[in-house]
């Protein structure tokens, strides 16, 4: 079994999203333990945004 213990999130030339930056900061500082948790939080955020736009 392979597990991810560290990751870097970066995409060139995209501005920082202040609505999600705390998720990445919390992961970096250890308050979020896994990539799975990061993914779930981002999915929840962007699902909410998409539903609000409709």
N, C-alpha and C. Protein backbone atom coordinates (compact mmCIF):
# COMPACT_ATOMS: atom_id res chain seq x y z
N UNK A 1 0.85 -1.18 0.00
CA UNK A 1 0.00 0.00 0.00
C UNK A 1 0.90 1.24 0.00
N UNK A 2 0.53 2.21 -0.80
CA UNK A 2 1.27 3.46 -0.89
C UNK A 2 0.45 4.56 -0.24
N UNK A 3 1.10 5.38 0.55
CA UNK A 3 0.39 6.51 1.15
C UNK A 3 1.17 7.79 0.88
N UNK A 4 0.45 8.86 0.78
CA UNK A 4 1.06 10.17 0.59
C UNK A 4 1.22 10.82 1.95
N UNK A 5 2.43 11.18 2.29
CA UNK A 5 2.65 11.82 3.59
C UNK A 5 2.93 13.30 3.45
N UNK A 6 3.26 13.74 2.25
CA UNK A 6 3.53 15.15 2.03
C UNK A 6 3.17 15.48 0.60
N UNK A 7 2.73 16.68 0.38
CA UNK A 7 2.36 17.09 -0.97
C UNK A 7 2.55 18.58 -1.13
N UNK A 8 2.69 18.98 -2.34
CA UNK A 8 2.80 20.39 -2.66
C UNK A 8 1.72 20.73 -3.66
N UNK A 9 1.03 21.80 -3.43
CA UNK A 9 -0.02 22.24 -4.33
C UNK A 9 0.44 23.54 -4.97
N UNK A 10 0.62 23.54 -6.27
CA UNK A 10 1.03 24.76 -6.95
C UNK A 10 0.60 24.70 -8.40
N UNK A 11 0.09 25.81 -8.86
CA UNK A 11 -0.23 25.98 -10.27
C UNK A 11 0.26 27.37 -10.64
N UNK A 12 1.07 27.46 -11.66
CA UNK A 12 1.63 28.74 -12.06
C UNK A 12 0.56 29.71 -12.54
N UNK A 13 0.76 30.96 -12.23
CA UNK A 13 -0.03 32.08 -12.75
C UNK A 13 -1.49 32.09 -12.31
N UNK A 14 -1.81 31.41 -11.23
CA UNK A 14 -3.16 31.50 -10.68
C UNK A 14 -3.10 32.27 -9.38
N UNK A 15 -4.04 33.19 -9.19
CA UNK A 15 -4.05 33.92 -7.92
C UNK A 15 -4.47 33.02 -6.77
N UNK A 16 -4.05 33.38 -5.58
CA UNK A 16 -4.44 32.65 -4.37
C UNK A 16 -5.92 32.87 -4.13
N UNK A 17 -6.64 31.80 -3.82
CA UNK A 17 -8.05 31.90 -3.50
C UNK A 17 -8.17 32.08 -1.98
N UNK A 18 -8.56 33.27 -1.53
CA UNK A 18 -8.64 33.51 -0.09
C UNK A 18 -9.67 32.62 0.61
N UNK A 19 -10.64 32.11 -0.14
CA UNK A 19 -11.67 31.25 0.46
C UNK A 19 -11.17 29.83 0.75
N UNK A 20 -10.07 29.43 0.11
CA UNK A 20 -9.54 28.08 0.33
C UNK A 20 -8.11 28.08 0.87
N UNK A 21 -7.47 29.22 0.93
CA UNK A 21 -6.07 29.28 1.36
C UNK A 21 -5.88 28.69 2.75
N UNK A 22 -6.86 28.87 3.63
CA UNK A 22 -6.74 28.34 4.99
C UNK A 22 -6.62 26.81 5.00
N UNK A 23 -7.23 26.15 4.02
CA UNK A 23 -7.15 24.69 3.96
C UNK A 23 -5.70 24.26 3.73
N UNK A 24 -5.04 24.91 2.78
CA UNK A 24 -3.65 24.57 2.47
C UNK A 24 -2.72 24.93 3.63
N UNK A 25 -3.01 26.07 4.26
CA UNK A 25 -2.19 26.48 5.41
C UNK A 25 -2.36 25.49 6.56
N UNK A 26 -3.59 25.07 6.82
CA UNK A 26 -3.84 24.11 7.89
C UNK A 26 -3.14 22.78 7.61
N UNK A 27 -3.12 22.36 6.34
CA UNK A 27 -2.41 21.13 5.99
C UNK A 27 -0.91 21.29 6.21
N UNK A 28 -0.39 22.40 5.74
CA UNK A 28 1.04 22.66 5.88
C UNK A 28 1.45 22.70 7.36
N UNK A 29 0.60 23.25 8.20
CA UNK A 29 0.91 23.40 9.62
C UNK A 29 0.48 22.20 10.46
N UNK A 30 -0.07 21.17 9.82
CA UNK A 30 -0.38 19.94 10.52
C UNK A 30 -1.75 19.85 11.15
N UNK A 31 -2.60 20.86 10.97
CA UNK A 31 -3.96 20.80 11.54
C UNK A 31 -4.88 19.91 10.71
N UNK A 32 -4.51 19.69 9.45
CA UNK A 32 -5.19 18.71 8.60
C UNK A 32 -4.14 17.64 8.30
N UNK A 33 -4.46 16.40 8.58
CA UNK A 33 -3.44 15.35 8.57
C UNK A 33 -3.23 14.70 7.20
N UNK A 34 -4.26 14.65 6.37
CA UNK A 34 -4.13 13.86 5.14
C UNK A 34 -4.60 14.61 3.91
N UNK A 35 -4.10 14.17 2.77
CA UNK A 35 -4.55 14.71 1.49
C UNK A 35 -6.04 14.40 1.29
N UNK A 36 -6.47 13.27 1.79
CA UNK A 36 -7.89 12.90 1.68
C UNK A 36 -8.77 13.95 2.35
N UNK A 37 -8.34 14.44 3.51
CA UNK A 37 -9.10 15.49 4.20
C UNK A 37 -9.08 16.80 3.41
N UNK A 38 -7.92 17.14 2.85
CA UNK A 38 -7.81 18.35 2.03
C UNK A 38 -8.76 18.25 0.85
N UNK A 39 -8.74 17.12 0.17
CA UNK A 39 -9.61 16.91 -0.99
C UNK A 39 -11.08 17.03 -0.61
N UNK A 40 -11.45 16.46 0.51
CA UNK A 40 -12.85 16.52 0.96
C UNK A 40 -13.27 17.96 1.26
N UNK A 41 -12.40 18.71 1.90
CA UNK A 41 -12.71 20.11 2.22
C UNK A 41 -12.82 20.95 0.96
N UNK A 42 -11.90 20.74 0.02
CA UNK A 42 -11.97 21.49 -1.25
C UNK A 42 -13.22 21.10 -2.04
N UNK A 43 -13.55 19.81 -2.05
CA UNK A 43 -14.75 19.36 -2.76
C UNK A 43 -16.00 20.00 -2.15
N UNK A 44 -16.07 20.03 -0.84
CA UNK A 44 -17.22 20.64 -0.16
C UNK A 44 -17.32 22.12 -0.49
N UNK A 45 -16.18 22.80 -0.48
CA UNK A 45 -16.19 24.24 -0.77
C UNK A 45 -16.67 24.50 -2.20
N UNK A 46 -16.07 23.81 -3.17
CA UNK A 46 -16.41 24.10 -4.57
C UNK A 46 -17.79 23.57 -4.95
N UNK A 47 -18.29 22.55 -4.26
CA UNK A 47 -19.67 22.10 -4.48
C UNK A 47 -20.62 23.20 -4.00
N UNK A 48 -20.33 23.78 -2.85
CA UNK A 48 -21.15 24.88 -2.33
C UNK A 48 -21.14 26.08 -3.30
N UNK A 49 -19.97 26.42 -3.81
CA UNK A 49 -19.85 27.53 -4.76
C UNK A 49 -20.67 27.24 -6.01
N UNK A 50 -20.55 26.03 -6.53
CA UNK A 50 -21.29 25.67 -7.75
C UNK A 50 -22.79 25.73 -7.53
N UNK A 51 -23.25 25.26 -6.38
CA UNK A 51 -24.68 25.29 -6.08
C UNK A 51 -25.19 26.71 -5.91
N UNK A 52 -24.37 27.59 -5.35
CA UNK A 52 -24.76 28.99 -5.17
C UNK A 52 -24.83 29.70 -6.51
N UNK A 53 -23.98 29.30 -7.47
CA UNK A 53 -23.97 29.94 -8.79
C UNK A 53 -25.17 29.55 -9.63
N UNK A 54 -25.83 28.45 -9.28
CA UNK A 54 -26.98 27.99 -10.09
C UNK A 54 -28.24 28.54 -9.57
